[in-house]
PDB file of N, CA and C in Angstrom:
ATOM      1  N   MET A   1      27.175 -30.907  55.905  1.00  0.00           N
ATOM      2  CA  MET A   1      27.810 -30.564  54.654  1.00  0.00           C
ATOM      3  C   MET A   1      27.551 -29.084  54.364  1.00  0.00           C
ATOM      4  N   ARG A   2      28.566 -28.395  53.882  1.00  0.00           N
ATOM      5  CA  ARG A   2      28.490 -26.961  53.639  1.00  0.00           C
ATOM      6  C   ARG A   2      27.861 -26.654  52.283  1.00  0.00           C
ATOM      7  N   LYS A   3      27.032 -25.640  52.246  1.00  0.00           N
ATOM      8  CA  LYS A   3      26.362 -25.242  51.018  1.00  0.00           C
ATOM      9  C   LYS A   3      27.323 -24.420  50.150  1.00  0.00           C
ATOM     10  N   GLN A   4      27.351 -24.706  48.856  1.00  0.00           N
ATOM     11  CA  GLN A   4      28.210 -24.004  47.899  1.00  0.00           C
ATOM     12  C   GLN A   4      27.584 -22.663  47.526  1.00  0.00           C
ATOM     13  N   ASN A   5      28.327 -21.573  47.673  1.00  0.00           N
ATOM     14  CA  ASN A   5      27.829 -20.265  47.266  1.00  0.00           C
ATOM     15  C   ASN A   5      28.033 -20.091  45.771  1.00  0.00           C
ATOM     16  N   THR A   6      27.013 -19.556  45.092  1.00  0.00           N
ATOM     17  CA  THR A   6      27.155 -19.263  43.670  1.00  0.00           C
ATOM     18  C   THR A   6      27.556 -17.802  43.534  1.00  0.00           C
ATOM     19  N   PRO A   7      28.613 -17.537  42.759  1.00  0.00           N
ATOM     20  CA  PRO A   7      29.053 -16.148  42.613  1.00  0.00           C
ATOM     21  C   PRO A   7      28.033 -15.330  41.834  1.00  0.00           C
ATOM     22  N   LEU A   8      27.736 -14.148  42.337  1.00  0.00           N
ATOM     23  CA  LEU A   8      26.794 -13.252  41.692  1.00  0.00           C
ATOM     24  C   LEU A   8      27.556 -12.086  41.060  1.00  0.00           C
ATOM     25  N   ARG A   9      27.052 -11.615  39.935  1.00  0.00           N
ATOM     26  CA  ARG A   9      27.623 -10.456  39.256  1.00  0.00           C
ATOM     27  C   ARG A   9      26.473  -9.546  38.840  1.00  0.00           C
ATOM     28  N   LYS A  10      26.779  -8.275  38.648  1.00  0.00           N
ATOM     29  CA  LYS A  10      25.761  -7.290  38.292  1.00  0.00           C
ATOM     30  C   LYS A  10      25.827  -6.976  36.807  1.00  0.00           C
ATOM     31  N   CYS A  11      24.683  -7.067  36.140  1.00  0.00           N
ATOM     32  CA  CYS A  11      24.579  -6.712  34.726  1.00  0.00           C
ATOM     33  C   CYS A  11      24.671  -5.197  34.606  1.00  0.00           C
ATOM     34  N   ILE A  12      25.499  -4.699  33.664  1.00  0.00           N
ATOM     35  CA  ILE A  12      25.672  -3.259  33.518  1.00  0.00           C
ATOM     36  C   ILE A  12      24.455  -2.599  32.863  1.00  0.00           C
ATOM     37  N   VAL A  13      23.587  -3.389  32.243  1.00  0.00           N
ATOM     38  CA  VAL A  13      22.415  -2.835  31.563  1.00  0.00           C
ATOM     39  C   VAL A  13      21.209  -2.824  32.498  1.00  0.00           C
ATOM     40  N   THR A  14      20.901  -3.964  33.091  1.00  0.00           N
ATOM     41  CA  THR A  14      19.692  -4.087  33.907  1.00  0.00           C
ATOM     42  C   THR A  14      19.933  -3.814  35.387  1.00  0.00           C
ATOM     43  N   ASN A  15      21.186  -3.777  35.809  1.00  0.00           N
ATOM     44  CA  ASN A  15      21.569  -3.593  37.216  1.00  0.00           C
ATOM     45  C   ASN A  15      21.009  -4.684  38.121  1.00  0.00           C
ATOM     46  N   GLU A  16      20.790  -5.874  37.572  1.00  0.00           N
ATOM     47  CA  GLU A  16      20.314  -7.013  38.352  1.00  0.00           C
ATOM     48  C   GLU A  16      21.493  -7.884  38.750  1.00  0.00           C
ATOM     49  N   MET A  17      21.450  -8.402  39.965  1.00  0.00           N
ATOM     50  CA  MET A  17      22.438  -9.358  40.415  1.00  0.00           C
ATOM     51  C   MET A  17      21.977 -10.739  39.960  1.00  0.00           C
ATOM     52  N   LYS A  18      22.845 -11.426  39.209  1.00  0.00           N
ATOM     53  CA  LYS A  18      22.515 -12.747  38.688  1.00  0.00           C
ATOM     54  C   LYS A  18      23.702 -13.676  38.882  1.00  0.00           C
ATOM     55  N   PRO A  19      23.458 -14.988  38.844  1.00  0.00           N
ATOM     56  CA  PRO A  19      24.595 -15.914  38.895  1.00  0.00           C
ATOM     57  C   PRO A  19      25.529 -15.673  37.716  1.00  0.00           C
ATOM     58  N   LYS A  20      26.801 -15.795  37.980  1.00  0.00           N
ATOM     59  CA  LYS A  20      27.838 -15.505  36.988  1.00  0.00           C
ATOM     60  C   LYS A  20      27.629 -16.289  35.692  1.00  0.00           C
ATOM     61  N   LYS A  21      27.154 -17.512  35.792  1.00  0.00           N
ATOM     62  CA  LYS A  21      26.991 -18.367  34.609  1.00  0.00           C
ATOM     63  C   LYS A  21      25.864 -17.905  33.693  1.00  0.00           C
ATOM     64  N   GLU A  22      24.957 -17.067  34.181  1.00  0.00           N
ATOM     65  CA  GLU A  22      23.856 -16.574  33.364  1.00  0.00           C
ATOM     66  C   GLU A  22      24.220 -15.310  32.583  1.00  0.00           C
ATOM     67  N   LEU A  23      25.389 -14.753  32.851  1.00  0.00           N
ATOM     68  CA  LEU A  23      25.816 -13.510  32.217  1.00  0.00           C
ATOM     69  C   LEU A  23      26.981 -13.748  31.269  1.00  0.00           C
ATOM     70  N   ILE A  24      27.181 -12.819  30.365  1.00  0.00           N
ATOM     71  CA  ILE A  24      28.317 -12.871  29.443  1.00  0.00           C
ATOM     72  C   ILE A  24      29.324 -11.821  29.892  1.00  0.00           C
ATOM     73  N   ARG A  25      30.586 -12.212  29.963  1.00  0.00           N
ATOM     74  CA  ARG A  25      31.637 -11.272  30.368  1.00  0.00           C
ATOM     75  C   ARG A  25      32.296 -10.692  29.132  1.00  0.00           C
ATOM     76  N   LEU A  26      32.383  -9.371  29.108  1.00  0.00           N
ATOM     77  CA  LEU A  26      33.104  -8.645  28.066  1.00  0.00           C
ATOM     78  C   LEU A  26      34.325  -8.052  28.746  1.00  0.00           C
ATOM     79  N   VAL A  27      35.482  -8.195  28.119  1.00  0.00           N
ATOM     80  CA  VAL A  27      36.726  -7.797  28.770  1.00  0.00           C
ATOM     81  C   VAL A  27      37.565  -6.908  27.857  1.00  0.00           C
ATOM     82  N   ARG A  28      38.205  -5.898  28.467  1.00  0.00           N
ATOM     83  CA  ARG A  28      39.154  -5.039  27.760  1.00  0.00           C
ATOM     84  C   ARG A  28      40.552  -5.444  28.200  1.00  0.00           C
ATOM     85  N   ASP A  29      41.409  -5.779  27.222  1.00  0.00           N
ATOM     86  CA  ASP A  29      42.765  -6.183  27.575  1.00  0.00           C
ATOM     87  C   ASP A  29      43.663  -4.955  27.713  1.00  0.00           C
ATOM     88  N   ALA A  30      44.933  -5.166  27.974  1.00  0.00           N
ATOM     89  CA  ALA A  30      45.881  -4.078  28.202  1.00  0.00           C
ATOM     90  C   ALA A  30      46.056  -3.185  26.975  1.00  0.00           C
ATOM     91  N   ASP A  31      45.807  -3.732  25.772  1.00  0.00           N
ATOM     92  CA  ASP A  31      45.951  -2.952  24.539  1.00  0.00           C
ATOM     93  C   ASP A  31      44.697  -2.151  24.207  1.00  0.00           C
ATOM     94  N   GLY A  32      43.622  -2.319  24.977  1.00  0.00           N
ATOM     95  CA  GLY A  32      42.383  -1.600  24.733  1.00  0.00           C
ATOM     96  C   GLY A  32      41.412  -2.337  23.837  1.00  0.00           C
ATOM     97  N   TYR A  33      41.714  -3.592  23.487  1.00  0.00           N
ATOM     98  CA  TYR A  33      40.845  -4.389  22.634  1.00  0.00           C
ATOM     99  C   TYR A  33      39.764  -5.044  23.496  1.00  0.00           C
ATOM    100  N   VAL A  34      38.510  -4.919  23.080  1.00  0.00           N
ATOM    101  CA  VAL A  34      37.384  -5.482  23.827  1.00  0.00           C
ATOM    102  C   VAL A  34      36.911  -6.748  23.128  1.00  0.00           C
ATOM    103  N   SER A  35      36.714  -7.814  23.923  1.00  0.00           N
ATOM    104  CA  SER A  35      36.263  -9.084  23.355  1.00  0.00           C
ATOM    105  C   SER A  35      35.369  -9.805  24.360  1.00  0.00           C
ATOM    106  N   VAL A  36      34.704 -10.836  23.865  1.00  0.00           N
ATOM    107  CA  VAL A  36      33.872 -11.687  24.712  1.00  0.00           C
ATOM    108  C   VAL A  36      34.783 -12.694  25.400  1.00  0.00           C
ATOM    109  N   ASP A  37      34.536 -12.907  26.678  1.00  0.00           N
ATOM    110  CA  ASP A  37      35.331 -13.844  27.463  1.00  0.00           C
ATOM    111  C   ASP A  37      34.463 -15.024  27.892  1.00  0.00           C
ATOM    112  N   PRO A  38      34.396 -16.084  27.071  1.00  0.00           N
ATOM    113  CA  PRO A  38      33.524 -17.210  27.417  1.00  0.00           C
ATOM    114  C   PRO A  38      33.963 -17.955  28.681  1.00  0.00           C
ATOM    115  N   SER A  39      35.265 -17.951  28.979  1.00  0.00           N
ATOM    116  CA  SER A  39      35.751 -18.667  30.157  1.00  0.00           C
ATOM    117  C   SER A  39      35.551 -17.863  31.436  1.00  0.00           C
ATOM    118  N   GLY A  40      35.486 -16.540  31.314  1.00  0.00           N
ATOM    119  CA  GLY A  40      35.347 -15.680  32.488  1.00  0.00           C
ATOM    120  C   GLY A  40      36.631 -15.500  33.255  1.00  0.00           C
ATOM    121  N   LYS A  41      37.774 -15.843  32.648  1.00  0.00           N
ATOM    122  CA  LYS A  41      39.040 -15.807  33.372  1.00  0.00           C
ATOM    123  C   LYS A  41      40.134 -14.990  32.693  1.00  0.00           C
ATOM    124  N   LYS A  42      39.811 -14.324  31.586  1.00  0.00           N
ATOM    125  CA  LYS A  42      40.830 -13.532  30.900  1.00  0.00           C
ATOM    126  C   LYS A  42      41.278 -12.365  31.773  1.00  0.00           C
ATOM    127  N   ASN A  43      42.524 -11.963  31.579  1.00  0.00           N
ATOM    128  CA  ASN A  43      43.032 -10.797  32.274  1.00  0.00           C
ATOM    129  C   ASN A  43      42.445  -9.542  31.666  1.00  0.00           C
ATOM    130  N   GLY A  44      42.191  -8.557  32.487  1.00  0.00           N
ATOM    131  CA  GLY A  44      41.699  -7.282  32.001  1.00  0.00           C
ATOM    132  C   GLY A  44      40.459  -6.832  32.744  1.00  0.00           C
ATOM    133  N   ARG A  45      40.028  -5.640  32.423  1.00  0.00           N
ATOM    134  CA  ARG A  45      38.837  -5.069  33.047  1.00  0.00           C
ATOM    135  C   ARG A  45      37.600  -5.681  32.411  1.00  0.00           C
ATOM    136  N   GLY A  46      36.691  -6.177  33.229  1.00  0.00           N
ATOM    137  CA  GLY A  46      35.530  -6.877  32.713  1.00  0.00           C
ATOM    138  C   GLY A  46      34.218  -6.211  33.070  1.00  0.00           C
ATOM    139  N   ALA A  47      33.206  -6.523  32.277  1.00  0.00           N
ATOM    140  CA  ALA A  47      31.839  -6.082  32.527  1.00  0.00           C
ATOM    141  C   ALA A  47      30.918  -7.231  32.146  1.00  0.00           C
ATOM    142  N   TYR A  48      29.824  -7.367  32.896  1.00  0.00           N
ATOM    143  CA  TYR A  48      28.887  -8.463  32.670  1.00  0.00           C
ATOM    144  C   TYR A  48      27.581  -7.938  32.093  1.00  0.00           C
ATOM    145  N   VAL A  49      27.038  -8.700  31.124  1.00  0.00           N
ATOM    146  CA  VAL A  49      25.801  -8.318  30.455  1.00  0.00           C
ATOM    147  C   VAL A  49      24.881  -9.534  30.391  1.00  0.00           C
ATOM    148  N   THR A  50      23.586  -9.298  30.641  1.00  0.00           N
ATOM    149  CA  THR A  50      22.586 -10.340  30.477  1.00  0.00           C
ATOM    150  C   THR A  50      22.522 -10.730  29.013  1.00  0.00           C
ATOM    151  N   HIS A  51      22.455 -12.026  28.756  1.00  0.00           N
ATOM    152  CA  HIS A  51      22.455 -12.507  27.374  1.00  0.00           C
ATOM    153  C   HIS A  51      21.043 -12.454  26.802  1.00  0.00           C
ATOM    154  N   SER A  52      20.686 -11.259  26.308  1.00  0.00           N
ATOM    155  CA  SER A  52      19.410 -11.086  25.629  1.00  0.00           C
ATOM    156  C   SER A  52      19.579  -9.992  24.581  1.00  0.00           C
ATOM    157  N   PRO A  53      18.848 -10.087  23.478  1.00  0.00           N
ATOM    158  CA  PRO A  53      18.961  -9.060  22.437  1.00  0.00           C
ATOM    159  C   PRO A  53      18.611  -7.661  22.952  1.00  0.00           C
ATOM    160  N   GLU A  54      17.644  -7.580  23.871  1.00  0.00           N
ATOM    161  CA  GLU A  54      17.249  -6.281  24.413  1.00  0.00           C
ATOM    162  C   GLU A  54      18.384  -5.637  25.200  1.00  0.00           C
ATOM    163  N   SER A  55      19.105  -6.450  25.973  1.00  0.00           N
ATOM    164  CA  SER A  55      20.220  -5.919  26.759  1.00  0.00           C
ATOM    165  C   SER A  55      21.332  -5.402  25.861  1.00  0.00           C
ATOM    166  N   PHE A  56      21.639  -6.153  24.812  1.00  0.00           N
ATOM    167  CA  PHE A  56      22.697  -5.707  23.905  1.00  0.00           C
ATOM    168  C   PHE A  56      22.275  -4.455  23.140  1.00  0.00           C
ATOM    169  N   GLN A  57      20.996  -4.356  22.790  1.00  0.00           N
ATOM    170  CA  GLN A  57      20.494  -3.174  22.089  1.00  0.00           C
ATOM    171  C   GLN A  57      20.598  -1.939  22.991  1.00  0.00           C
ATOM    172  N   THR A  58      20.185  -2.068  24.232  1.00  0.00           N
ATOM    173  CA  THR A  58      20.267  -0.965  25.184  1.00  0.00           C
ATOM    174  C   THR A  58      21.714  -0.573  25.440  1.00  0.00           C
ATOM    175  N   MET A  59      22.582  -1.576  25.575  1.00  0.00           N
ATOM    176  CA  MET A  59      24.007  -1.315  25.799  1.00  0.00           C
ATOM    177  C   MET A  59      24.585  -0.507  24.645  1.00  0.00           C
ATOM    178  N   ARG A  60      24.197  -0.843  23.412  1.00  0.00           N
ATOM    179  CA  ARG A  60      24.709  -0.131  22.237  1.00  0.00           C
ATOM    180  C   ARG A  60      24.139   1.284  22.170  1.00  0.00           C
ATOM    181  N   GLU A  61      22.830   1.429  22.392  1.00  0.00           N
ATOM    182  CA  GLU A  61      22.190   2.741  22.289  1.00  0.00           C
ATOM    183  C   GLU A  61      22.743   3.737  23.306  1.00  0.00           C
ATOM    184  N   LYS A  62      22.970   3.275  24.533  1.00  0.00           N
ATOM    185  CA  LYS A  62      23.450   4.161  25.597  1.00  0.00           C
ATOM    186  C   LYS A  62      24.969   4.181  25.711  1.00  0.00           C
ATOM    187  N   ASP A  63      25.658   3.383  24.894  1.00  0.00           N
ATOM    188  CA  ASP A  63      27.119   3.289  24.912  1.00  0.00           C
ATOM    189  C   ASP A  63      27.638   2.965  26.316  1.00  0.00           C
ATOM    190  N   LEU A  64      26.976   2.018  26.977  1.00  0.00           N
ATOM    191  CA  LEU A  64      27.318   1.655  28.352  1.00  0.00           C
ATOM    192  C   LEU A  64      28.673   0.979  28.469  1.00  0.00           C
ATOM    193  N   LEU A  65      29.021   0.192  27.481  1.00  0.00           N
ATOM    194  CA  LEU A  65      30.274  -0.556  27.564  1.00  0.00           C
ATOM    195  C   LEU A  65      31.479   0.376  27.531  1.00  0.00           C
ATOM    196  N   SER A  66      31.406   1.429  26.748  1.00  0.00           N
ATOM    197  CA  SER A  66      32.498   2.403  26.706  1.00  0.00           C
ATOM    198  C   SER A  66      32.711   3.028  28.081  1.00  0.00           C
ATOM    199  N   ARG A  67      31.625   3.317  28.765  1.00  0.00           N
ATOM    200  CA  ARG A  67      31.714   3.936  30.087  1.00  0.00           C
ATOM    201  C   ARG A  67      32.297   2.967  31.121  1.00  0.00           C
ATOM    202  N   HIS A  68      31.847   1.719  31.096  1.00  0.00           N
ATOM    203  CA  HIS A  68      32.289   0.760  32.113  1.00  0.00           C
ATOM    204  C   HIS A  68      33.712   0.260  31.889  1.00  0.00           C
ATOM    205  N   LEU A  69      34.087   0.086  30.623  1.00  0.00           N
ATOM    206  CA  LEU A  69      35.428  -0.425  30.343  1.00  0.00           C
ATOM    207  C   LEU A  69      36.440   0.689  30.083  1.00  0.00           C
ATOM    208  N   LYS A  70      35.969   1.929  30.103  1.00  0.00           N
ATOM    209  CA  LYS A  70      36.835   3.094  29.928  1.00  0.00           C
ATOM    210  C   LYS A  70      37.631   3.033  28.627  1.00  0.00           C
ATOM    211  N   VAL A  71      36.907   2.778  27.530  1.00  0.00           N
ATOM    212  CA  VAL A  71      37.502   2.731  26.197  1.00  0.00           C
ATOM    213  C   VAL A  71      36.429   3.184  25.210  1.00  0.00           C
ATOM    214  N   LYS A  72      36.829   3.811  24.113  1.00  0.00           N
ATOM    215  CA  LYS A  72      35.874   4.292  23.119  1.00  0.00           C
ATOM    216  C   LYS A  72      35.562   3.164  22.140  1.00  0.00           C
ATOM    217  N   LEU A  73      34.264   2.826  21.996  1.00  0.00           N
ATOM    218  CA  LEU A  73      33.825   1.777  21.083  1.00  0.00           C
ATOM    219  C   LEU A  73      32.964   2.368  19.974  1.00  0.00           C
ATOM    220  N   THR A  74      33.119   1.831  18.779  1.00  0.00           N
ATOM    221  CA  THR A  74      32.329   2.277  17.641  1.00  0.00           C
ATOM    222  C   THR A  74      31.139   1.340  17.453  1.00  0.00           C
ATOM    223  N   ALA A  75      30.254   1.700  16.519  1.00  0.00           N
ATOM    224  CA  ALA A  75      29.102   0.854  16.210  1.00  0.00           C
ATOM    225  C   ALA A  75      29.560  -0.501  15.676  1.00  0.00           C
ATOM    226  N   GLU A  76      30.658  -0.506  14.901  1.00  0.00           N
ATOM    227  CA  GLU A  76      31.196  -1.772  14.373  1.00  0.00           C
ATOM    228  C   GLU A  76      31.697  -2.665  15.499  1.00  0.00           C
ATOM    229  N   ASP A  77      32.294  -2.060  16.528  1.00  0.00           N
ATOM    230  CA  ASP A  77      32.759  -2.836  17.680  1.00  0.00           C
ATOM    231  C   ASP A  77      31.583  -3.516  18.378  1.00  0.00           C
ATOM    232  N   TYR A  78      30.492  -2.783  18.546  1.00  0.00           N
ATOM    233  CA  TYR A  78      29.309  -3.369  19.190  1.00  0.00           C
ATOM    234  C   TYR A  78      28.746  -4.516  18.357  1.00  0.00           C
ATOM    235  N   GLU A  79      28.707  -4.353  17.039  1.00  0.00           N
ATOM    236  CA  GLU A  79      28.217  -5.424  16.165  1.00  0.00           C
ATOM    237  C   GLU A  79      29.094  -6.667  16.287  1.00  0.00           C
ATOM    238  N   ARG A  80      30.406  -6.462  16.315  1.00  0.00           N
ATOM    239  CA  ARG A  80      31.347  -7.582  16.454  1.00  0.00           C
ATOM    240  C   ARG A  80      31.135  -8.300  17.782  1.00  0.00           C
ATOM    241  N   LEU A  81      30.956  -7.539  18.846  1.00  0.00           N
ATOM    242  CA  LEU A  81      30.749  -8.143  20.161  1.00  0.00           C
ATOM    243  C   LEU A  81      29.436  -8.917  20.223  1.00  0.00           C
ATOM    244  N   ILE A  82      28.407  -8.410  19.580  1.00  0.00           N
ATOM    245  CA  ILE A  82      27.122  -9.125  19.549  1.00  0.00           C
ATOM    246  C   ILE A  82      27.285 -10.447  18.811  1.00  0.00           C
ATOM    247  N   ASP A  83      28.003 -10.421  17.679  1.00  0.00           N
ATOM    248  CA  ASP A  83      28.245 -11.662  16.928  1.00  0.00           C
ATOM    249  C   ASP A  83      29.077 -12.646  17.743  1.00  0.00           C
ATOM    250  N   GLU A  84      30.122 -12.143  18.420  1.00  0.00           N
ATOM    251  CA  GLU A  84      30.975 -13.013  19.237  1.00  0.00           C
ATOM    252  C   GLU A  84      30.167 -13.633  20.395  1.00  0.00           C
ATOM    253  N   SER A  85      29.278 -12.864  20.975  1.00  0.00           N
ATOM    254  CA  SER A  85      28.488 -13.382  22.100  1.00  0.00           C
ATOM    255  C   SER A  85      27.540 -14.490  21.635  1.00  0.00           C
ATOM    256  N   LYS A  86      26.996 -14.349  20.434  1.00  0.00           N
ATOM    257  CA  LYS A  86      26.129 -15.392  19.904  1.00  0.00           C
ATOM    258  C   LYS A  86      26.909 -16.679  19.684  1.00  0.00           C
ATOM    259  N   GLU A  87      28.136 -16.567  19.167  1.00  0.00           N
ATOM    260  CA  GLU A  87      28.978 -17.747  18.947  1.00  0.00           C
ATOM    261  C   GLU A  87      29.400 -18.370  20.262  1.00  0.00           C
ATOM    262  N   ALA A  88      29.707 -17.553  21.256  1.00  0.00           N
ATOM    263  CA  ALA A  88      30.174 -18.069  22.540  1.00  0.00           C
ATOM    264  C   ALA A  88      29.072 -18.787  23.313  1.00  0.00           C
ATOM    265  N   SER A  89      27.821 -18.410  23.073  1.00  0.00           N
ATOM    266  CA  SER A  89      26.731 -19.027  23.823  1.00  0.00           C
ATOM    267  C   SER A  89      26.302 -20.373  23.249  1.00  0.00           C
ATOM    268  N   ARG A  90      26.819 -20.724  22.107  1.00  0.00           N
ATOM    269  CA  ARG A  90      26.464 -22.026  21.483  1.00  0.00           C
ATOM    270  C   ARG A  90      27.112 -23.166  22.154  1.00  0.00           C
TER     271      ARG A  90
END
């Protein structure tokens, strides 16, 4: 019987390779709107982040998401994404 490979993704904050299910995907759609993608299948440019308050704090302080998704994000956008990620993880 063949062993199932688990897909790995790299966290943009910690640069660690982790199983896809342990990370949260943030996606920018064609209109430039950034949102949390709980299914991991939305169309658009995506970035993965470890689900921890420290990772989100570092991402906000260094403005990493703007660099990876190639879109300008404000402090309010980061707050909204943090709230959405908390709801999606429930």
